[in-house]
Amino acid sequence: MTSPTAETVVALLRAGLANDQEGQAVILASCDPLELLGALAGFTIAMGHNVFHGADNFDEFLSDWQAAHLNDPMP
């Protein structure tokens, strides 16, 4: 297993957007799951910080989203 790179994270996100389950499986099988989760979390935080113009705004969005989808099953 390899450590995920930025390319790995982007490839996994694109495979998810395209509903490419085979592509997702290949990526998931090639990386350490905890390292991949950490890389995805890091990407999400960086993206949220950038899109929402700061950590406080992103945190507010997350709180609102969580409240609106509290009992929704995740795909």
PDB file of N, CA and C in Angstrom:
ATOM      1  N   MET A   1       0.845  -1.189   0.000  1.00  0.00           N
ATOM      2  CA  MET A   1       0.000   0.000   0.000  1.00  0.00           C
ATOM      3  C   MET A   1       0.879   1.236   0.000  1.00  0.00           C
ATOM      4  N   THR A   2       0.383   2.270  -0.646  1.00  0.00           N
ATOM      5  CA  THR A   2       1.138   3.507  -0.735  1.00  0.00           C
ATOM      6  C   THR A   2       0.433   4.597   0.057  1.00  0.00           C
ATOM      7  N   SER A   3       1.168   5.648   0.315  1.00  0.00           N
ATOM      8  CA  SER A   3       0.567   6.826   0.940  1.00  0.00           C
ATOM      9  C   SER A   3      -0.129   7.639  -0.138  1.00  0.00           C
ATOM     10  N   PRO A   4      -1.308   8.169   0.161  1.00  0.00           N
ATOM     11  CA  PRO A   4      -2.024   8.944  -0.841  1.00  0.00           C
ATOM     12  C   PRO A   4      -1.329  10.276  -1.120  1.00  0.00           C
ATOM     13  N   THR A   5      -1.442  10.712  -2.352  1.00  0.00           N
ATOM     14  CA  THR A   5      -0.921  12.004  -2.771  1.00  0.00           C
ATOM     15  C   THR A   5      -2.107  12.899  -3.117  1.00  0.00           C
ATOM     16  N   ALA A   6      -1.822  14.130  -3.454  1.00  0.00           N
ATOM     17  CA  ALA A   6      -2.892  15.028  -3.907  1.00  0.00           C
ATOM     18  C   ALA A   6      -3.566  14.451  -5.148  1.00  0.00           C
ATOM     19  N   GLU A   7      -2.775  13.844  -6.024  1.00  0.00           N
ATOM     20  CA  GLU A   7      -3.344  13.219  -7.231  1.00  0.00           C
ATOM     21  C   GLU A   7      -4.303  12.095  -6.864  1.00  0.00           C
ATOM     22  N   THR A   8      -3.953  11.313  -5.845  1.00  0.00           N
ATOM     23  CA  THR A   8      -4.803  10.215  -5.401  1.00  0.00           C
ATOM     24  C   THR A   8      -6.146  10.742  -4.898  1.00  0.00           C
ATOM     25  N   VAL A   9      -6.094  11.787  -4.097  1.00  0.00           N
ATOM     26  CA  VAL A   9      -7.309  12.363  -3.537  1.00  0.00           C
ATOM     27  C   VAL A   9      -8.203  12.899  -4.649  1.00  0.00           C
ATOM     28  N   VAL A  10      -7.628  13.630  -5.577  1.00  0.00           N
ATOM     29  CA  VAL A  10      -8.417  14.186  -6.687  1.00  0.00           C
ATOM     30  C   VAL A  10      -8.990  13.059  -7.547  1.00  0.00           C
ATOM     31  N   ALA A  11      -8.190  12.035  -7.805  1.00  0.00           N
ATOM     32  CA  ALA A  11      -8.683  10.900  -8.602  1.00  0.00           C
ATOM     33  C   ALA A  11      -9.847  10.204  -7.908  1.00  0.00           C
ATOM     34  N   LEU A  12      -9.765  10.041  -6.586  1.00  0.00           N
ATOM     35  CA  LEU A  12     -10.851   9.408  -5.846  1.00  0.00           C
ATOM     36  C   LEU A  12     -12.115  10.264  -5.888  1.00  0.00           C
ATOM     37  N   LEU A  13     -11.966  11.558  -5.716  1.00  0.00           N
ATOM     38  CA  LEU A  13     -13.124  12.455  -5.787  1.00  0.00           C
ATOM     39  C   LEU A  13     -13.754  12.434  -7.175  1.00  0.00           C
ATOM     40  N   ARG A  14     -12.927  12.459  -8.211  1.00  0.00           N
ATOM     41  CA  ARG A  14     -13.460  12.417  -9.585  1.00  0.00           C
ATOM     42  C   ARG A  14     -14.142  11.080  -9.875  1.00  0.00           C
ATOM     43  N   ALA A  15     -13.575   9.991  -9.379  1.00  0.00           N
ATOM     44  CA  ALA A  15     -14.204   8.683  -9.562  1.00  0.00           C
ATOM     45  C   ALA A  15     -15.561   8.654  -8.856  1.00  0.00           C
ATOM     46  N   GLY A  16     -15.629   9.261  -7.689  1.00  0.00           N
ATOM     47  CA  GLY A  16     -16.903   9.333  -6.974  1.00  0.00           C
ATOM     48  C   GLY A  16     -17.931  10.162  -7.715  1.00  0.00           C
ATOM     49  N   LEU A  17     -17.514  11.298  -8.240  1.00  0.00           N
ATOM     50  CA  LEU A  17     -18.434  12.151  -8.997  1.00  0.00           C
ATOM     51  C   LEU A  17     -18.945  11.457 -10.250  1.00  0.00           C
ATOM     52  N   ALA A  18     -18.101  10.623 -10.862  1.00  0.00           N
ATOM     53  CA  ALA A  18     -18.476   9.901 -12.078  1.00  0.00           C
ATOM     54  C   ALA A  18     -19.176   8.571 -11.773  1.00  0.00           C
ATOM     55  N   ASN A  19     -19.353   8.270 -10.480  1.00  0.00           N
ATOM     56  CA  ASN A  19     -19.923   6.994 -10.041  1.00  0.00           C
ATOM     57  C   ASN A  19     -19.137   5.812 -10.609  1.00  0.00           C
ATOM     58  N   ASP A  20     -17.828   5.984 -10.672  1.00  0.00           N
ATOM     59  CA  ASP A  20     -16.910   4.961 -11.184  1.00  0.00           C
ATOM     60  C   ASP A  20     -16.480   4.079 -10.014  1.00  0.00           C
ATOM     61  N   GLN A  21     -17.271   3.078  -9.719  1.00  0.00           N
ATOM     62  CA  GLN A  21     -16.997   2.231  -8.562  1.00  0.00           C
ATOM     63  C   GLN A  21     -15.735   1.399  -8.746  1.00  0.00           C
ATOM     64  N   GLU A  22     -15.442   0.987  -9.970  1.00  0.00           N
ATOM     65  CA  GLU A  22     -14.200   0.237 -10.209  1.00  0.00           C
ATOM     66  C   GLU A  22     -12.982   1.115  -9.948  1.00  0.00           C
ATOM     67  N   GLY A  23     -13.049   2.352 -10.421  1.00  0.00           N
ATOM     68  CA  GLY A  23     -11.950   3.287 -10.180  1.00  0.00           C
ATOM     69  C   GLY A  23     -11.758   3.563  -8.698  1.00  0.00           C
ATOM     70  N   GLN A  24     -12.860   3.713  -7.983  1.00  0.00           N
ATOM     71  CA  GLN A  24     -12.787   3.925  -6.546  1.00  0.00           C
ATOM     72  C   GLN A  24     -12.150   2.726  -5.860  1.00  0.00           C
ATOM     73  N   ALA A  25     -12.555   1.531  -6.266  1.00  0.00           N
ATOM     74  CA  ALA A  25     -12.036   0.316  -5.649  1.00  0.00           C
ATOM     75  C   ALA A  25     -10.532   0.182  -5.857  1.00  0.00           C
ATOM     76  N   VAL A  26     -10.056   0.519  -7.056  1.00  0.00           N
ATOM     77  CA  VAL A  26      -8.620   0.441  -7.338  1.00  0.00           C
ATOM     78  C   VAL A  26      -7.856   1.403  -6.438  1.00  0.00           C
ATOM     79  N   ILE A  27      -8.357   2.614  -6.300  1.00  0.00           N
ATOM     80  CA  ILE A  27      -7.688   3.612  -5.462  1.00  0.00           C
ATOM     81  C   ILE A  27      -7.726   3.190  -3.995  1.00  0.00           C
ATOM     82  N   LEU A  28      -8.881   2.738  -3.547  1.00  0.00           N
ATOM     83  CA  LEU A  28      -9.014   2.329  -2.145  1.00  0.00           C
ATOM     84  C   LEU A  28      -8.118   1.144  -1.813  1.00  0.00           C
ATOM     85  N   ALA A  29      -7.944   0.240  -2.757  1.00  0.00           N
ATOM     86  CA  ALA A  29      -7.099  -0.935  -2.517  1.00  0.00           C
ATOM     87  C   ALA A  29      -5.614  -0.597  -2.530  1.00  0.00           C
ATOM     88  N   SER A  30      -5.259   0.535  -3.141  1.00  0.00           N
ATOM     89  CA  SER A  30      -3.841   0.870  -3.279  1.00  0.00           C
ATOM     90  C   SER A  30      -3.291   1.707  -2.132  1.00  0.00           C
ATOM     91  N   CYS A  31      -4.163   2.237  -1.291  1.00  0.00           N
ATOM     92  CA  CYS A  31      -3.723   3.151  -0.224  1.00  0.00           C
ATOM     93  C   CYS A  31      -4.117   2.629   1.149  1.00  0.00           C
ATOM     94  N   ASP A  32      -3.338   3.028   2.134  1.00  0.00           N
ATOM     95  CA  ASP A  32      -3.685   2.755   3.513  1.00  0.00           C
ATOM     96  C   ASP A  32      -4.977   3.525   3.826  1.00  0.00           C
ATOM     97  N   PRO A  33      -6.016   2.848   4.307  1.00  0.00           N
ATOM     98  CA  PRO A  33      -7.305   3.507   4.527  1.00  0.00           C
ATOM     99  C   PRO A  33      -7.249   4.705   5.476  1.00  0.00           C
ATOM    100  N   LEU A  34      -6.503   4.606   6.558  1.00  0.00           N
ATOM    101  CA  LEU A  34      -6.435   5.725   7.495  1.00  0.00           C
ATOM    102  C   LEU A  34      -5.693   6.916   6.900  1.00  0.00           C
ATOM    103  N   GLU A  35      -4.640   6.635   6.142  1.00  0.00           N
ATOM    104  CA  GLU A  35      -3.922   7.729   5.485  1.00  0.00           C
ATOM    105  C   GLU A  35      -4.793   8.398   4.424  1.00  0.00           C
ATOM    106  N   LEU A  36      -5.576   7.589   3.699  1.00  0.00           N
ATOM    107  CA  LEU A  36      -6.465   8.154   2.685  1.00  0.00           C
ATOM    108  C   LEU A  36      -7.553   8.998   3.335  1.00  0.00           C
ATOM    109  N   LEU A  37      -8.095   8.517   4.440  1.00  0.00           N
ATOM    110  CA  LEU A  37      -9.100   9.299   5.162  1.00  0.00           C
ATOM    111  C   LEU A  37      -8.509  10.629   5.629  1.00  0.00           C
ATOM    112  N   GLY A  38      -7.280  10.586   6.144  1.00  0.00           N
ATOM    113  CA  GLY A  38      -6.613  11.820   6.565  1.00  0.00           C
ATOM    114  C   GLY A  38      -6.387  12.773   5.403  1.00  0.00           C
ATOM    115  N   ALA A  39      -5.999  12.226   4.254  1.00  0.00           N
ATOM    116  CA  ALA A  39      -5.774  13.069   3.073  1.00  0.00           C
ATOM    117  C   ALA A  39      -7.081  13.690   2.591  1.00  0.00           C
ATOM    118  N   LEU A  40      -8.153  12.914   2.602  1.00  0.00           N
ATOM    119  CA  LEU A  40      -9.457  13.456   2.201  1.00  0.00           C
ATOM    120  C   LEU A  40      -9.936  14.520   3.185  1.00  0.00           C
ATOM    121  N   ALA A  41      -9.705  14.289   4.462  1.00  0.00           N
ATOM    122  CA  ALA A  41     -10.090  15.284   5.466  1.00  0.00           C
ATOM    123  C   ALA A  41      -9.299  16.573   5.272  1.00  0.00           C
ATOM    124  N   GLY A  42      -8.009  16.433   5.020  1.00  0.00           N
ATOM    125  CA  GLY A  42      -7.181  17.615   4.782  1.00  0.00           C
ATOM    126  C   GLY A  42      -7.642  18.394   3.569  1.00  0.00           C
ATOM    127  N   PHE A  43      -7.980  17.671   2.501  1.00  0.00           N
ATOM    128  CA  PHE A  43      -8.488  18.323   1.293  1.00  0.00           C
ATOM    129  C   PHE A  43      -9.800  19.043   1.584  1.00  0.00           C
ATOM    130  N   THR A  44     -10.693  18.375   2.304  1.00  0.00           N
ATOM    131  CA  THR A  44     -11.996  18.964   2.621  1.00  0.00           C
ATOM    132  C   THR A  44     -11.839  20.245   3.439  1.00  0.00           C
ATOM    133  N   ILE A  45     -10.950  20.215   4.411  1.00  0.00           N
ATOM    134  CA  ILE A  45     -10.716  21.402   5.235  1.00  0.00           C
ATOM    135  C   ILE A  45     -10.140  22.543   4.400  1.00  0.00           C
ATOM    136  N   ALA A  46      -9.167  22.216   3.566  1.00  0.00           N
ATOM    137  CA  ALA A  46      -8.561  23.252   2.714  1.00  0.00           C
ATOM    138  C   ALA A  46      -9.586  23.826   1.745  1.00  0.00           C
ATOM    139  N   MET A  47     -10.388  22.965   1.139  1.00  0.00           N
ATOM    140  CA  MET A  47     -11.402  23.427   0.194  1.00  0.00           C
ATOM    141  C   MET A  47     -12.438  24.289   0.908  1.00  0.00           C
ATOM    142  N   GLY A  48     -12.910  23.826   2.057  1.00  0.00           N
ATOM    143  CA  GLY A  48     -13.912  24.589   2.799  1.00  0.00           C
ATOM    144  C   GLY A  48     -13.394  25.930   3.241  1.00  0.00           C
ATOM    145  N   HIS A  49     -12.154  25.965   3.681  1.00  0.00           N
ATOM    146  CA  HIS A  49     -11.550  27.222   4.113  1.00  0.00           C
ATOM    147  C   HIS A  49     -11.477  28.199   2.937  1.00  0.00           C
ATOM    148  N   ASN A  50     -11.118  27.680   1.772  1.00  0.00           N
ATOM    149  CA  ASN A  50     -10.988  28.519   0.584  1.00  0.00           C
ATOM    150  C   ASN A  50     -12.352  28.985   0.075  1.00  0.00           C
ATOM    151  N   VAL A  51     -13.292  28.065  -0.060  1.00  0.00           N
ATOM    152  CA  VAL A  51     -14.604  28.377  -0.629  1.00  0.00           C
ATOM    153  C   VAL A  51     -15.407  29.297   0.283  1.00  0.00           C
ATOM    154  N   PHE A  52     -15.305  29.070   1.587  1.00  0.00           N
ATOM    155  CA  PHE A  52     -16.110  29.844   2.531  1.00  0.00           C
ATOM    156  C   PHE A  52     -15.350  31.026   3.134  1.00  0.00           C
ATOM    157  N   HIS A  53     -14.165  31.296   2.619  1.00  0.00           N
ATOM    158  CA  HIS A  53     -13.373  32.466   3.016  1.00  0.00           C
ATOM    159  C   HIS A  53     -13.076  32.505   4.513  1.00  0.00           C
ATOM    160  N   GLY A  54     -12.676  31.351   5.044  1.00  0.00           N
ATOM    161  CA  GLY A  54     -12.249  31.309   6.437  1.00  0.00           C
ATOM    162  C   GLY A  54     -12.857  30.149   7.194  1.00  0.00           C
ATOM    163  N   ALA A  55     -12.154  29.762   8.231  1.00  0.00           N
ATOM    164  CA  ALA A  55     -12.573  28.608   9.022  1.00  0.00           C
ATOM    165  C   ALA A  55     -13.901  28.845   9.736  1.00  0.00           C
ATOM    166  N   ASP A  56     -14.138  30.049  10.222  1.00  0.00           N
ATOM    167  CA  ASP A  56     -15.379  30.316  10.949  1.00  0.00           C
ATOM    168  C   ASP A  56     -16.598  30.162  10.037  1.00  0.00           C
ATOM    169  N   ASN A  57     -16.509  30.680   8.806  1.00  0.00           N
ATOM    170  CA  ASN A  57     -17.615  30.559   7.867  1.00  0.00           C
ATOM    171  C   ASN A  57     -17.849  29.098   7.478  1.00  0.00           C
ATOM    172  N   PHE A  58     -16.764  28.354   7.307  1.00  0.00           N
ATOM    173  CA  PHE A  58     -16.890  26.938   6.967  1.00  0.00           C
ATOM    174  C   PHE A  58     -17.516  26.178   8.120  1.00  0.00           C
ATOM    175  N   ASP A  59     -17.108  26.475   9.335  1.00  0.00           N
ATOM    176  CA  ASP A  59     -17.679  25.816  10.506  1.00  0.00           C
ATOM    177  C   ASP A  59     -19.170  26.111  10.619  1.00  0.00           C
ATOM    178  N   GLU A  60     -19.564  27.334  10.325  1.00  0.00           N
ATOM    179  CA  GLU A  60     -20.984  27.702  10.361  1.00  0.00           C
ATOM    180  C   GLU A  60     -21.763  26.896   9.319  1.00  0.00           C
ATOM    181  N   PHE A  61     -21.212  26.788   8.108  1.00  0.00           N
ATOM    182  CA  PHE A  61     -21.850  25.985   7.071  1.00  0.00           C
ATOM    183  C   PHE A  61     -22.004  24.535   7.527  1.00  0.00           C
ATOM    184  N   LEU A  62     -20.933  23.959   8.105  1.00  0.00           N
ATOM    185  CA  LEU A  62     -20.985  22.573   8.558  1.00  0.00           C
ATOM    186  C   LEU A  62     -22.068  22.375   9.622  1.00  0.00           C
ATOM    187  N   SER A  63     -22.174  23.318  10.533  1.00  0.00           N
ATOM    188  CA  SER A  63     -23.201  23.228  11.582  1.00  0.00           C
ATOM    189  C   SER A  63     -24.593  23.280  10.983  1.00  0.00           C
ATOM    190  N   ASP A  64     -24.813  24.194  10.045  1.00  0.00           N
ATOM    191  CA  ASP A  64     -26.122  24.309   9.389  1.00  0.00           C
ATOM    192  C   ASP A  64     -26.448  23.048   8.593  1.00  0.00           C
ATOM    193  N   TRP A  65     -25.465  22.543   7.859  1.00  0.00           N
ATOM    194  CA  TRP A  65     -25.670  21.347   7.038  1.00  0.00           C
ATOM    195  C   TRP A  65     -25.973  20.144   7.917  1.00  0.00           C
ATOM    196  N   GLN A  66     -25.222  20.005   9.000  1.00  0.00           N
ATOM    197  CA  GLN A  66     -25.423  18.876   9.902  1.00  0.00           C
ATOM    198  C   GLN A  66     -26.829  18.933  10.508  1.00  0.00           C
ATOM    199  N   ALA A  67     -27.265  20.103  10.918  1.00  0.00           N
ATOM    200  CA  ALA A  67     -28.594  20.255  11.510  1.00  0.00           C
ATOM    201  C   ALA A  67     -29.684  19.897  10.492  1.00  0.00           C
ATOM    202  N   ALA A  68     -29.486  20.279   9.236  1.00  0.00           N
ATOM    203  CA  ALA A  68     -30.484  20.018   8.205  1.00  0.00           C
ATOM    204  C   ALA A  68     -30.519  18.544   7.796  1.00  0.00           C
ATOM    205  N   HIS A  69     -29.412  17.834   7.980  1.00  0.00           N
ATOM    206  CA  HIS A  69     -29.325  16.454   7.502  1.00  0.00           C
ATOM    207  C   HIS A  69     -29.023  15.468   8.640  1.00  0.00           C
ATOM    208  N   LEU A  70     -29.425  15.812   9.849  1.00  0.00           N
ATOM    209  CA  LEU A  70     -29.064  15.052  11.032  1.00  0.00           C
ATOM    210  C   LEU A  70     -29.394  13.566  10.916  1.00  0.00           C
ATOM    211  N   ASN A  71     -30.547  13.230  10.412  1.00  0.00           N
ATOM    212  CA  ASN A  71     -30.960  11.831  10.366  1.00  0.00           C
ATOM    213  C   ASN A  71     -30.930  11.232   8.958  1.00  0.00           C
ATOM    214  N   ASP A  72     -30.339  11.932   8.019  1.00  0.00           N
ATOM    215  CA  ASP A  72     -30.258  11.408   6.652  1.00  0.00           C
ATOM    216  C   ASP A  72     -29.171  10.334   6.562  1.00  0.00           C
ATOM    217  N   PRO A  73     -29.462   9.238   5.875  1.00  0.00           N
ATOM    218  CA  PRO A  73     -28.399   8.247   5.664  1.00  0.00           C
ATOM    219  C   PRO A  73     -27.386   8.789   4.673  1.00  0.00           C
ATOM    220  N   MET A  74     -26.120   8.505   4.912  1.00  0.00           N
ATOM    221  CA  MET A  74     -25.065   8.927   4.005  1.00  0.00           C
ATOM    222  C   MET A  74     -24.892   7.854   2.928  1.00  0.00           C
ATOM    223  N   PRO A  75     -24.640   8.280   1.705  1.00  0.00           N
ATOM    224  CA  PRO A  75     -24.477   7.299   0.622  1.00  0.00           C
ATOM    225  C   PRO A  75     -23.238   6.448   0.806  1.00  0.00           C
TER     226      PRO A  75
END
